Amino acid sequence: MSHHYSGPNFGFPRGDARLDFTDLYAFPKPGDAAKSILIMDFHPSASANPPGPTTAEPFAPEALYELKIDTNGDAVADIAYRVRFSSAGGGAQTATLRRVEGAQAAGTGDGGQAIVEGAPVSTGRVARVTEAGDYRFFAGWRSDPFFFDVQGALNNLQFTGQDFFADKDICSIVLEVPNSAFGSKKIGLWVRTLAPADGAGGRWVQADRGARPSQTPFLAGEENDAYLAGEPADDARFVPVFAHALEHAGGYAPEEATRVARTLLPDLMPYDPTRPASFPDNGRILTDDVSDAFLRILTNGKVTKDNVGPHRDLLAEFPYLGPPHKT
């Protein structure tokens, strides 16, 4: 189910819905080939285990939300965009967006050059957008664009075409970025959330990370915690874990399972802004049916679709995601 509920037993990382990274999208800005749209979604409005609503607070003020960018193909970040949130009273929040490069981008911290400061976080239907130079920024509740038959997936892939996410919301961070900021035409993207480590010292602990949809809930298995805490550059160690899951779910022969697992790792999203976006080869647009693509891989072609299609509340302009269902 994309990257929703990536914690243990279809729960949340560290038990906190606000830390749950769910989806990453990257595509050229419609009508302006010099810019790209990057969308990172977090915090599902509904829990699957146990069922019920999650907290109304959009983002965790104590956490760090980070987009990593690899510009030279080594699966190590060369650029990072970092977002921190502050409480503004009365349930309101504001956001600060920073950018770092080089060794700092590959490290852990909340420093960097401020691009946006004190941006209001949207909690209602109206999207509150902040502009800063060549950047545009949005953070807040939106209609979840992901579509999938969750109950069918939990019922041995017996799909009925019921879209669990049709009336669900998500907390989104949307960036409009000049392509010149990437430093390279072909880049690799991933997202992570960090929370303060237990005790004093100001250290961070990686709570969640990912890029490609659905892999963590269905393939990481008993190595889930280690996978979420890992780095793409070290993902080769999870090839046997993924291969074992593919053998079990799809009936792959061992050698073929290993080959397919290697195509899924490292967990990066390739993106070239000079080409049209289409998952899985280049970025991801909001209507890409990533669930069907993953089902074909997971089942070795035995199941090819869940009979659910894209949502109809998407916008033609920034921030592109529809207004939230509940405010």
C-alpha atoms as a PDB file:
ATOM      1  CA  MET A   1       0.000   0.000   0.000  1.00  0.00           C
ATOM      2  CA  SER A   2       2.551   2.485  -1.199  1.00  0.00           C
ATOM      3  CA  HIS A   3       4.710   3.432   1.790  1.00  0.00           C
ATOM      4  CA  HIS A   4       1.730   3.938   4.119  1.00  0.00           C
ATOM      5  CA  TYR A   5       1.961   2.085   7.421  1.00  0.00           C
ATOM      6  CA  SER A   6       5.645   1.277   6.990  1.00  0.00           C
ATOM      7  CA  GLY A   7       6.103   0.488  10.681  1.00  0.00           C
ATOM      8  CA  PRO A   8       5.742  -2.984  12.234  1.00  0.00           C
ATOM      9  CA  ASN A   9       2.544  -4.926  11.441  1.00  0.00           C
ATOM     10  CA  PHE A  10       1.153  -2.195   9.172  1.00  0.00           C
ATOM     11  CA  GLY A  11       1.591   0.369  11.929  1.00  0.00           C
ATOM     12  CA  PHE A  12       3.503   3.641  12.082  1.00  0.00           C
ATOM     13  CA  PRO A  13       7.265   4.136  12.497  1.00  0.00           C
ATOM     14  CA  ARG A  14       8.038   4.611  16.195  1.00  0.00           C
ATOM     15  CA  GLY A  15       4.260   4.483  16.700  1.00  0.00           C
ATOM     16  CA  ASP A  16       3.833   8.061  15.402  1.00  0.00           C
ATOM     17  CA  ALA A  17       1.618   8.692  12.369  1.00  0.00           C
ATOM     18  CA  ARG A  18       3.263  12.099  11.834  1.00  0.00           C
ATOM     19  CA  LEU A  19       6.586  10.362  11.090  1.00  0.00           C
ATOM     20  CA  ASP A  20       5.123   8.001   8.493  1.00  0.00           C
ATOM     21  CA  PHE A  21       6.413   8.868   5.008  1.00  0.00           C
ATOM     22  CA  THR A  22       3.872   7.629   2.464  1.00  0.00           C
ATOM     23  CA  ASP A  23       4.629   8.798  -1.097  1.00  0.00           C
ATOM     24  CA  LEU A  24       7.131  10.672  -3.238  1.00  0.00           C
ATOM     25  CA  TYR A  25       6.276  12.310  -6.568  1.00  0.00           C
ATOM     26  CA  ALA A  26       8.592  14.117  -8.997  1.00  0.00           C
ATOM     27  CA  PHE A  27       7.604  15.593 -12.355  1.00  0.00           C
ATOM     28  CA  PRO A  28       8.346  18.602 -14.578  1.00  0.00           C
ATOM     29  CA  LYS A  29       6.181  21.610 -13.807  1.00  0.00           C
ATOM     30  CA  PRO A  30       3.301  21.717 -16.301  1.00  0.00           C
ATOM     31  CA  GLY A  31       3.873  24.623 -18.648  1.00  0.00           C
ATOM     32  CA  ASP A  32       7.398  25.420 -17.407  1.00  0.00           C
ATOM     33  CA  ALA A  33      10.143  22.973 -18.383  1.00  0.00           C
ATOM     34  CA  ALA A  34      12.710  24.897 -16.317  1.00  0.00           C
ATOM     35  CA  LYS A  35      11.154  23.813 -13.012  1.00  0.00           C
ATOM     36  CA  SER A  36      10.131  20.616 -11.244  1.00  0.00           C
ATOM     37  CA  ILE A  37       7.443  19.695  -8.735  1.00  0.00           C
ATOM     38  CA  LEU A  38       8.480  17.528  -5.799  1.00  0.00           C
ATOM     39  CA  ILE A  39       5.743  16.200  -3.516  1.00  0.00           C
ATOM     40  CA  MET A  40       6.403  14.365  -0.249  1.00  0.00           C
ATOM     41  CA  ASP A  41       3.459  12.949   1.671  1.00  0.00           C
ATOM     42  CA  PHE A  42       3.353  12.011   5.350  1.00  0.00           C
ATOM     43  CA  HIS A  43       0.934  11.304   8.198  1.00  0.00           C
ATOM     44  CA  PRO A  44      -2.073   9.288   6.966  1.00  0.00           C
ATOM     45  CA  SER A  45      -5.329  10.609   8.411  1.00  0.00           C
ATOM     46  CA  ALA A  46      -6.485   7.070   9.210  1.00  0.00           C
ATOM     47  CA  SER A  47      -4.741   4.156  10.887  1.00  0.00           C
ATOM     48  CA  ALA A  48      -5.004   0.602   9.570  1.00  0.00           C
ATOM     49  CA  ASN A  49      -3.789  -1.193  12.710  1.00  0.00           C
ATOM     50  CA  PRO A  50      -5.750  -0.450  14.803  1.00  0.00           C
ATOM     51  CA  PRO A  51      -8.414   1.179  12.602  1.00  0.00           C
ATOM     52  CA  GLY A  52      -9.326   4.772  13.383  1.00  0.00           C
ATOM     53  CA  PRO A  53      -8.324   8.406  12.874  1.00  0.00           C
ATOM     54  CA  THR A  54      -4.865   9.752  13.668  1.00  0.00           C
ATOM     55  CA  THR A  55      -3.879  13.022  15.340  1.00  0.00           C
ATOM     56  CA  ALA A  56      -5.091  16.355  13.929  1.00  0.00           C
ATOM     57  CA  GLU A  57      -1.659  17.999  14.289  1.00  0.00           C
ATOM     58  CA  PRO A  58      -0.175  17.921  10.766  1.00  0.00           C
ATOM     59  CA  PHE A  59       3.554  17.582  11.437  1.00  0.00           C
ATOM     60  CA  ALA A  60       5.706  16.772  14.468  1.00  0.00           C
ATOM     61  CA  PRO A  61       7.498  19.946  15.650  1.00  0.00           C
ATOM     62  CA  GLU A  62      10.251  17.861  17.208  1.00  0.00           C
ATOM     63  CA  ALA A  63      10.919  15.965  13.951  1.00  0.00           C
ATOM     64  CA  LEU A  64      12.850  16.681  10.752  1.00  0.00           C
ATOM     65  CA  TYR A  65      11.404  16.040   7.272  1.00  0.00           C
ATOM     66  CA  GLU A  66      14.060  15.654   4.608  1.00  0.00           C
ATOM     67  CA  LEU A  67      14.338  15.190   0.830  1.00  0.00           C
ATOM     68  CA  LYS A  68      17.668  13.689  -0.250  1.00  0.00           C
ATOM     69  CA  ILE A  69      19.136  14.128  -3.737  1.00  0.00           C
ATOM     70  CA  ASP A  70      21.968  12.052  -5.217  1.00  0.00           C
ATOM     71  CA  THR A  71      23.526  13.814  -8.204  1.00  0.00           C
ATOM     72  CA  ASN A  72      26.343  11.403  -9.165  1.00  0.00           C
ATOM     73  CA  GLY A  73      24.867   7.920  -8.927  1.00  0.00           C
ATOM     74  CA  ASP A  74      26.529   6.690  -5.730  1.00  0.00           C
ATOM     75  CA  ALA A  75      23.283   6.567  -3.675  1.00  0.00           C
ATOM     76  CA  VAL A  76      24.699   9.146  -1.254  1.00  0.00           C
ATOM     77  CA  ALA A  77      23.012  12.540  -0.852  1.00  0.00           C
ATOM     78  CA  ASP A  78      24.770  15.543  -2.428  1.00  0.00           C
ATOM     79  CA  ILE A  79      21.866  17.937  -1.804  1.00  0.00           C
ATOM     80  CA  ALA A  80      19.184  17.887   0.877  1.00  0.00           C
ATOM     81  CA  TYR A  81      16.081  19.951   1.551  1.00  0.00           C
ATOM     82  CA  ARG A  82      15.099  19.997   5.221  1.00  0.00           C
ATOM     83  CA  VAL A  83      11.793  21.110   6.734  1.00  0.00           C
ATOM     84  CA  ARG A  84      11.166  21.852  10.426  1.00  0.00           C
ATOM     85  CA  PHE A  85       7.839  22.855  11.909  1.00  0.00           C
ATOM     86  CA  SER A  86       7.015  25.122  14.821  1.00  0.00           C
ATOM     87  CA  SER A  87       3.826  25.549  16.820  1.00  0.00           C
ATOM     88  CA  ALA A  88       2.303  28.983  16.307  1.00  0.00           C
ATOM     89  CA  GLY A  89      -0.429  28.756  18.945  1.00  0.00           C
ATOM     90  CA  GLY A  90      -4.055  27.745  18.689  1.00  0.00           C
ATOM     91  CA  GLY A  91      -3.131  24.570  16.820  1.00  0.00           C
ATOM     92  CA  ALA A  92      -1.417  26.476  13.990  1.00  0.00           C
ATOM     93  CA  GLN A  93       2.014  25.565  12.659  1.00  0.00           C
ATOM     94  CA  THR A  94       4.680  27.295  10.567  1.00  0.00           C
ATOM     95  CA  ALA A  95       7.456  25.758   8.457  1.00  0.00           C
ATOM     96  CA  THR A  96      11.079  26.538   7.657  1.00  0.00           C
ATOM     97  CA  LEU A  97      12.706  25.075   4.542  1.00  0.00           C
ATOM     98  CA  ARG A  98      16.519  24.798   4.354  1.00  0.00           C
ATOM     99  CA  ARG A  99      18.939  23.540   1.720  1.00  0.00           C
ATOM    100  CA  VAL A 100      22.357  21.939   2.297  1.00  0.00           C
ATOM    101  CA  GLU A 101      24.993  20.576  -0.073  1.00  0.00           C
ATOM    102  CA  GLY A 102      28.033  18.316   0.034  1.00  0.00           C
ATOM    103  CA  ALA A 103      29.011  16.405   3.156  1.00  0.00           C
ATOM    104  CA  GLN A 104      26.306  18.122   5.204  1.00  0.00           C
ATOM    105  CA  ALA A 105      23.639  16.788   2.847  1.00  0.00           C
ATOM    106  CA  ALA A 106      24.761  13.220   3.513  1.00  0.00           C
ATOM    107  CA  GLY A 107      24.819  13.796   7.264  1.00  0.00           C
ATOM    108  CA  THR A 108      22.222  14.360   9.925  1.00  0.00           C
ATOM    109  CA  GLY A 109      21.289  17.799  11.192  1.00  0.00           C
ATOM    110  CA  ASP A 110      18.789  20.596  10.839  1.00  0.00           C
ATOM    111  CA  GLY A 111      21.097  23.346   9.610  1.00  0.00           C
ATOM    112  CA  GLY A 112      21.442  24.824   6.148  1.00  0.00           C
ATOM    113  CA  GLN A 113      20.598  27.873   4.067  1.00  0.00           C
ATOM    114  CA  ALA A 114      17.068  29.077   4.799  1.00  0.00           C
ATOM    115  CA  ILE A 115      14.939  29.334   1.666  1.00  0.00           C
ATOM    116  CA  VAL A 116      11.544  29.742   3.333  1.00  0.00           C
ATOM    117  CA  GLU A 117      10.968  30.806   6.939  1.00  0.00           C
ATOM    118  CA  GLY A 118       7.734  31.018   8.903  1.00  0.00           C
ATOM    119  CA  ALA A 119       5.551  29.651   6.103  1.00  0.00           C
ATOM    120  CA  PRO A 120       1.990  28.974   7.306  1.00  0.00           C
ATOM    121  CA  VAL A 121       0.865  25.348   7.381  1.00  0.00           C
ATOM    122  CA  SER A 122      -2.536  24.771   5.773  1.00  0.00           C
ATOM    123  CA  THR A 123      -5.203  23.017   7.812  1.00  0.00           C
ATOM    124  CA  GLY A 124      -8.271  24.032   5.777  1.00  0.00           C
ATOM    125  CA  ARG A 125      -9.431  23.646   2.197  1.00  0.00           C
ATOM    126  CA  VAL A 126      -7.609  26.738   0.958  1.00  0.00           C
ATOM    127  CA  ALA A 127      -3.957  26.039   0.119  1.00  0.00           C
ATOM    128  CA  ARG A 128      -1.657  28.613   1.705  1.00  0.00           C
ATOM    129  CA  VAL A 129       1.306  28.899  -0.677  1.00  0.00           C
ATOM    130  CA  THR A 130       4.591  30.674   0.056  1.00  0.00           C
ATOM    131  CA  GLU A 131       6.847  32.047  -2.698  1.00  0.00           C
ATOM    132  CA  ALA A 132      10.568  32.720  -2.255  1.00  0.00           C
ATOM    133  CA  GLY A 133      12.588  33.627  -5.346  1.00  0.00           C
ATOM    134  CA  ASP A 134      12.415  30.713  -7.790  1.00  0.00           C
ATOM    135  CA  TYR A 135      10.806  28.457  -5.179  1.00  0.00           C
ATOM    136  CA  ARG A 136       7.214  27.840  -4.178  1.00  0.00           C
ATOM    137  CA  PHE A 137       6.359  25.986  -0.971  1.00  0.00           C
ATOM    138  CA  PHE A 138       3.280  24.350   0.501  1.00  0.00           C
ATOM    139  CA  ALA A 139       2.801  22.282   3.648  1.00  0.00           C
ATOM    140  CA  GLY A 140      -0.431  21.032   5.154  1.00  0.00           C
ATOM    141  CA  TRP A 141      -3.411  18.717   4.909  1.00  0.00           C
ATOM    142  CA  ARG A 142      -4.509  17.588   1.445  1.00  0.00           C
ATOM    143  CA  SER A 143      -6.579  14.844  -0.111  1.00  0.00           C
ATOM    144  CA  ASP A 144      -4.420  11.725  -0.334  1.00  0.00           C
ATOM    145  CA  PRO A 145      -3.675  11.124  -4.049  1.00  0.00           C
ATOM    146  CA  PHE A 146      -2.688   7.484  -3.538  1.00  0.00           C
ATOM    147  CA  PHE A 147      -5.206   4.877  -4.703  1.00  0.00           C
ATOM    148  CA  PHE A 148      -5.320   1.194  -3.746  1.00  0.00           C
ATOM    149  CA  ASP A 149      -7.642  -1.561  -2.515  1.00  0.00           C
ATOM    150  CA  VAL A 150      -6.106  -2.103   0.931  1.00  0.00           C
ATOM    151  CA  GLN A 151      -8.655  -4.639   2.152  1.00  0.00           C
ATOM    152  CA  GLY A 152      -8.111  -6.711  -0.963  1.00  0.00           C
ATOM    153  CA  ALA A 153      -4.377  -6.678  -0.340  1.00  0.00           C
ATOM    154  CA  LEU A 154      -4.899  -7.899   3.226  1.00  0.00           C
ATOM    155  CA  ASN A 155      -7.305 -10.567   1.960  1.00  0.00           C
ATOM    156  CA  ASN A 156      -4.719 -12.569   0.021  1.00  0.00           C
ATOM    157  CA  LEU A 157      -4.813 -10.137  -2.930  1.00  0.00           C
ATOM    158  CA  GLN A 158      -8.510 -10.768  -3.567  1.00  0.00           C
ATOM    159  CA  PHE A 159      -9.331  -7.320  -4.940  1.00  0.00           C
ATOM    160  CA  THR A 160     -12.827  -5.856  -5.137  1.00  0.00           C
ATOM    161  CA  GLY A 161     -11.970  -2.419  -6.563  1.00  0.00           C
ATOM    162  CA  GLN A 162     -12.731  -0.559  -3.325  1.00  0.00           C
ATOM    163  CA  ASP A 163     -10.323   2.366  -2.940  1.00  0.00           C
ATOM    164  CA  PHE A 164      -9.452   2.669   0.743  1.00  0.00           C
ATOM    165  CA  PHE A 165      -7.883   6.089   0.162  1.00  0.00           C
ATOM    166  CA  ALA A 166     -10.759   7.711  -1.758  1.00  0.00           C
ATOM    167  CA  ASP A 167     -11.873   9.715   1.286  1.00  0.00           C
ATOM    168  CA  LYS A 168      -8.557   9.880   3.180  1.00  0.00           C
ATOM    169  CA  ASP A 169      -6.263  12.846   3.788  1.00  0.00           C
ATOM    170  CA  ILE A 170      -2.519  13.221   4.012  1.00  0.00           C
ATOM    171  CA  CYS A 171      -0.020  15.865   5.110  1.00  0.00           C
ATOM    172  CA  SER A 172       1.950  17.096   2.116  1.00  0.00           C
ATOM    173  CA  ILE A 173       5.112  19.088   1.556  1.00  0.00           C
ATOM    174  CA  VAL A 174       5.163  20.416  -2.008  1.00  0.00           C
ATOM    175  CA  LEU A 175       8.153  22.173  -3.565  1.00  0.00           C
ATOM    176  CA  GLU A 176       8.442  23.955  -6.874  1.00  0.00           C
ATOM    177  CA  VAL A 177      12.171  23.929  -7.593  1.00  0.00           C
ATOM    178  CA  PRO A 178      14.260  25.340 -10.464  1.00  0.00           C
ATOM    179  CA  ASN A 179      15.956  22.459 -12.261  1.00  0.00           C
ATOM    180  CA  SER A 180      19.239  24.345 -12.017  1.00  0.00           C
ATOM    181  CA  ALA A 181      19.165  23.642  -8.266  1.00  0.00           C
ATOM    182  CA  PHE A 182      19.722  19.920  -8.880  1.00  0.00           C
ATOM    183  CA  GLY A 183      23.221  20.295 -10.278  1.00  0.00           C
ATOM    184  CA  SER A 184      22.690  17.375 -12.647  1.00  0.00           C
ATOM    185  CA  LYS A 185      20.078  16.245 -15.164  1.00  0.00           C
ATOM    186  CA  LYS A 186      19.840  12.705 -13.822  1.00  0.00           C
ATOM    187  CA  ILE A 187      19.329  12.459 -10.077  1.00  0.00           C
ATOM    188  CA  GLY A 188      18.162   9.977  -7.471  1.00  0.00           C
ATOM    189  CA  LEU A 189      15.575  11.011  -4.878  1.00  0.00           C
ATOM    190  CA  TRP A 190      14.453   9.659  -1.535  1.00  0.00           C
ATOM    191  CA  VAL A 191      12.734  10.944   1.589  1.00  0.00           C
ATOM    192  CA  ARG A 192      13.271  10.369   5.266  1.00  0.00           C
ATOM    193  CA  THR A 193      11.902  11.481   8.630  1.00  0.00           C
ATOM    194  CA  LEU A 194      14.010  11.841  11.743  1.00  0.00           C
ATOM    195  CA  ALA A 195      13.049  12.068  15.402  1.00  0.00           C
ATOM    196  CA  PRO A 196      15.104  13.070  18.430  1.00  0.00           C
ATOM    197  CA  ALA A 197      17.030  10.198  19.980  1.00  0.00           C
ATOM    198  CA  ASP A 198      16.014   9.147  23.457  1.00  0.00           C
ATOM    199  CA  GLY A 199      17.885  11.050  26.133  1.00  0.00           C
ATOM    200  CA  ALA A 200      19.984  14.192  25.849  1.00  0.00           C
ATOM    201  CA  GLY A 201      22.640  15.033  23.298  1.00  0.00           C
ATOM    202  CA  GLY A 202      20.719  16.491  20.375  1.00  0.00           C
ATOM    203  CA  ARG A 203      21.118  13.360  18.240  1.00  0.00           C
ATOM    204  CA  TRP A 204      18.641  12.266  15.576  1.00  0.00           C
ATOM    205  CA  VAL A 205      17.219   8.816  14.839  1.00  0.00           C
ATOM    206  CA  GLN A 206      15.946   7.958  11.364  1.00  0.00           C
ATOM    207  CA  ALA A 207      12.317   6.881  11.743  1.00  0.00           C
ATOM    208  CA  ASP A 208      11.304   6.241   8.127  1.00  0.00           C
ATOM    209  CA  ARG A 209      12.742   6.461   4.634  1.00  0.00           C
ATOM    210  CA  GLY A 210      11.939   5.436   1.106  1.00  0.00           C
ATOM    211  CA  ALA A 211      11.311   6.385  -2.502  1.00  0.00           C
ATOM    212  CA  ARG A 212       9.679   3.545  -4.418  1.00  0.00           C
ATOM    213  CA  PRO A 213       6.109   2.751  -3.347  1.00  0.00           C
ATOM    214  CA  SER A 214       4.966  -0.443  -1.603  1.00  0.00           C
ATOM    215  CA  GLN A 215       8.353  -2.073  -1.064  1.00  0.00           C
ATOM    216  CA  THR A 216       8.693  -1.594   2.674  1.00  0.00           C
ATOM    217  CA  PRO A 217       5.313  -2.962   3.840  1.00  0.00           C
ATOM    218  CA  PHE A 218       5.460  -6.020   1.591  1.00  0.00           C
ATOM    219  CA  LEU A 219       9.123  -6.940   1.179  1.00  0.00           C
ATOM    220  CA  ALA A 220      11.165  -5.825   4.188  1.00  0.00           C
ATOM    221  CA  GLY A 221       9.670  -8.469   6.501  1.00  0.00           C
ATOM    222  CA  GLU A 222      11.512  -9.107   9.766  1.00  0.00           C
ATOM    223  CA  GLU A 223      14.210  -6.681   8.632  1.00  0.00           C
ATOM    224  CA  ASN A 224      11.693  -3.826   8.585  1.00  0.00           C
ATOM    225  CA  ASP A 225      13.292  -1.783  11.384  1.00  0.00           C
ATOM    226  CA  ALA A 226      16.787  -2.186   9.946  1.00  0.00           C
ATOM    227  CA  TYR A 227      15.547  -1.254   6.478  1.00  0.00           C
ATOM    228  CA  LEU A 228      13.809   1.916   7.655  1.00  0.00           C
ATOM    229  CA  ALA A 229      16.915   2.968   9.580  1.00  0.00           C
ATOM    230  CA  GLY A 230      19.257   2.232   6.666  1.00  0.00           C
ATOM    231  CA  GLU A 231      20.740   4.243   3.805  1.00  0.00           C
ATOM    232  CA  PRO A 232      20.283   3.583   0.066  1.00  0.00           C
ATOM    233  CA  ALA A 233      24.041   3.161  -0.350  1.00  0.00           C
ATOM    234  CA  ASP A 234      23.841   0.093   1.911  1.00  0.00           C
ATOM    235  CA  ASP A 235      20.697  -1.436   0.410  1.00  0.00           C
ATOM    236  CA  ALA A 236      22.528  -4.337  -1.239  1.00  0.00           C
ATOM    237  CA  ARG A 237      22.409  -6.095   2.128  1.00  0.00           C
ATOM    238  CA  PHE A 238      18.610  -6.328   1.803  1.00  0.00           C
ATOM    239  CA  VAL A 239      18.639  -8.117  -1.568  1.00  0.00           C
ATOM    240  CA  PRO A 240      18.338 -11.579   0.099  1.00  0.00           C
ATOM    241  CA  VAL A 241      15.426 -10.324   2.250  1.00  0.00           C
ATOM    242  CA  PHE A 242      13.560  -8.951  -0.768  1.00  0.00           C
ATOM    243  CA  ALA A 243      14.372 -12.054  -2.828  1.00  0.00           C
ATOM    244  CA  HIS A 244      12.956 -14.351  -0.137  1.00  0.00           C
ATOM    245  CA  ALA A 245       9.714 -12.342  -0.047  1.00  0.00           C
ATOM    246  CA  LEU A 246       9.431 -12.483  -3.842  1.00  0.00           C
ATOM    247  CA  GLU A 247       9.966 -16.261  -3.837  1.00  0.00           C
ATOM    248  CA  HIS A 248       7.173 -16.642  -1.305  1.00  0.00           C
ATOM    249  CA  ALA A 249       4.697 -14.165  -2.844  1.00  0.00           C
ATOM    250  CA  GLY A 250       5.336 -14.732  -6.535  1.00  0.00           C
ATOM    251  CA  GLY A 251       6.759 -18.211  -6.797  1.00  0.00           C
ATOM    252  CA  TYR A 252       9.986 -16.927  -8.306  1.00  0.00           C
ATOM    253  CA  ALA A 253      12.916 -19.288  -8.699  1.00  0.00           C
ATOM    254  CA  PRO A 254      15.738 -18.231  -6.333  1.00  0.00           C
ATOM    255  CA  GLU A 255      17.986 -16.847  -9.060  1.00  0.00           C
ATOM    256  CA  GLU A 256      15.188 -14.855 -10.673  1.00  0.00           C
ATOM    257  CA  ALA A 257      14.014 -13.539  -7.298  1.00  0.00           C
ATOM    258  CA  THR A 258      17.514 -12.239  -6.617  1.00  0.00           C
ATOM    259  CA  ARG A 259      17.691 -10.604 -10.032  1.00  0.00           C
ATOM    260  CA  VAL A 260      14.351  -8.827  -9.531  1.00  0.00           C
ATOM    261  CA  ALA A 261      15.266  -7.768  -5.996  1.00  0.00           C
ATOM    262  CA  ARG A 262      18.370  -6.078  -7.346  1.00  0.00           C
ATOM    263  CA  THR A 263      16.224  -3.983  -9.702  1.00  0.00           C
ATOM    264  CA  LEU A 264      14.328  -2.623  -6.659  1.00  0.00           C
ATOM    265  CA  LEU A 265      17.402  -1.605  -4.701  1.00  0.00           C
ATOM    266  CA  PRO A 266      18.879   0.804  -3.814  1.00  0.00           C
ATOM    267  CA  ASP A 267      15.593   2.427  -2.850  1.00  0.00           C
ATOM    268  CA  LEU A 268      15.857   5.576  -4.970  1.00  0.00           C
ATOM    269  CA  MET A 269      13.539   7.268  -7.445  1.00  0.00           C
ATOM    270  CA  PRO A 270      15.376   8.098 -10.691  1.00  0.00           C
ATOM    271  CA  TYR A 271      14.462  11.475 -12.131  1.00  0.00           C
ATOM    272  CA  ASP A 272      15.563  13.424 -15.193  1.00  0.00           C
ATOM    273  CA  PRO A 273      13.618  16.721 -15.427  1.00  0.00           C
ATOM    274  CA  THR A 274      14.344  17.002 -19.144  1.00  0.00           C
ATOM    275  CA  ARG A 275      12.170  13.950 -19.860  1.00  0.00           C
ATOM    276  CA  PRO A 276       8.458  13.279 -19.270  1.00  0.00           C
ATOM    277  CA  ALA A 277       7.819  11.703 -15.879  1.00  0.00           C
ATOM    278  CA  SER A 278       6.478   8.158 -15.710  1.00  0.00           C
ATOM    279  CA  PHE A 279       6.944   5.596 -12.948  1.00  0.00           C
ATOM    280  CA  PRO A 280       9.131   3.556 -12.548  1.00  0.00           C
ATOM    281  CA  ASP A 281      11.595   4.801 -15.150  1.00  0.00           C
ATOM    282  CA  ASN A 282      11.535   8.535 -14.487  1.00  0.00           C
ATOM    283  CA  GLY A 283       9.955  10.185 -11.476  1.00  0.00           C
ATOM    284  CA  ARG A 284       6.274   9.718 -10.728  1.00  0.00           C
ATOM    285  CA  ILE A 285       3.142  11.685 -11.601  1.00  0.00           C
ATOM    286  CA  LEU A 286       0.039  11.774  -9.424  1.00  0.00           C
ATOM    287  CA  THR A 287      -1.951   9.477 -11.737  1.00  0.00           C
ATOM    288  CA  ASP A 288       0.696   6.766 -12.209  1.00  0.00           C
ATOM    289  CA  ASP A 289      -0.822   3.412 -11.191  1.00  0.00           C
ATOM    290  CA  VAL A 290       2.106   2.325  -9.059  1.00  0.00           C
ATOM    291  CA  SER A 291       0.040  -0.320  -7.274  1.00  0.00           C
ATOM    292  CA  ASP A 292      -0.594  -2.268 -10.460  1.00  0.00           C
ATOM    293  CA  ALA A 293       3.088  -2.011 -11.364  1.00  0.00           C
ATOM    294  CA  PHE A 294       4.131  -3.372  -7.984  1.00  0.00           C
ATOM    295  CA  LEU A 295       1.528  -6.146  -7.988  1.00  0.00           C
ATOM    296  CA  ARG A 296       2.954  -7.456 -11.260  1.00  0.00           C
ATOM    297  CA  ILE A 297       6.387  -7.629  -9.661  1.00  0.00           C
ATOM    298  CA  LEU A 298       5.234  -9.028  -6.319  1.00  0.00           C
ATOM    299  CA  THR A 299       3.192 -11.858  -7.867  1.00  0.00           C
ATOM    300  CA  ASN A 300       5.429 -12.552 -10.875  1.00  0.00           C
ATOM    301  CA  GLY A 301       2.628 -11.480 -13.196  1.00  0.00           C
ATOM    302  CA  LYS A 302      -0.112 -13.587 -11.581  1.00  0.00           C
ATOM    303  CA  VAL A 303      -1.976 -10.483 -10.354  1.00  0.00           C
ATOM    304  CA  THR A 304      -1.789  -7.412 -12.564  1.00  0.00           C
ATOM    305  CA  LYS A 305      -4.329  -4.929 -11.167  1.00  0.00           C
ATOM    306  CA  ASP A 306      -6.467  -4.014  -8.162  1.00  0.00           C
ATOM    307  CA  ASN A 307      -9.234  -2.380 -10.268  1.00  0.00           C
ATOM    308  CA  VAL A 308      -8.738   1.052  -8.644  1.00  0.00           C
ATOM    309  CA  GLY A 309      -7.965   4.207 -10.615  1.00  0.00           C
ATOM    310  CA  PRO A 310      -6.633   7.733  -9.955  1.00  0.00           C
ATOM    311  CA  HIS A 311      -8.549  10.246  -7.879  1.00  0.00           C
ATOM    312  CA  ARG A 312     -10.554  12.979  -9.583  1.00  0.00           C
ATOM    313  CA  ASP A 313      -9.905  15.813  -7.141  1.00  0.00           C
ATOM    314  CA  LEU A 314      -6.386  16.625  -8.339  1.00  0.00           C
ATOM    315  CA  LEU A 315      -5.642  20.250  -9.217  1.00  0.00           C
ATOM    316  CA  ALA A 316      -4.125  21.582 -12.434  1.00  0.00           C
ATOM    317  CA  GLU A 317      -1.978  24.072 -10.521  1.00  0.00           C
ATOM    318  CA  PHE A 318       0.231  24.248  -7.439  1.00  0.00           C
ATOM    319  CA  PRO A 319       0.051  22.399  -5.029  1.00  0.00           C
ATOM    320  CA  TYR A 320      -1.701  19.926  -7.401  1.00  0.00           C
ATOM    321  CA  LEU A 321      -3.265  17.863  -4.602  1.00  0.00           C
ATOM    322  CA  GLY A 322      -6.978  18.252  -3.925  1.00  0.00           C
ATOM    323  CA  PRO A 323      -8.316  19.948  -0.792  1.00  0.00           C
ATOM    324  CA  PRO A 324      -8.686  17.788   2.335  1.00  0.00           C
ATOM    325  CA  HIS A 325     -11.890  15.882   2.934  1.00  0.00           C
ATOM    326  CA  LYS A 326     -12.005  16.836   6.607  1.00  0.00           C
ATOM    327  CA  THR A 327     -11.009  20.203   8.061  1.00  0.00           C
END
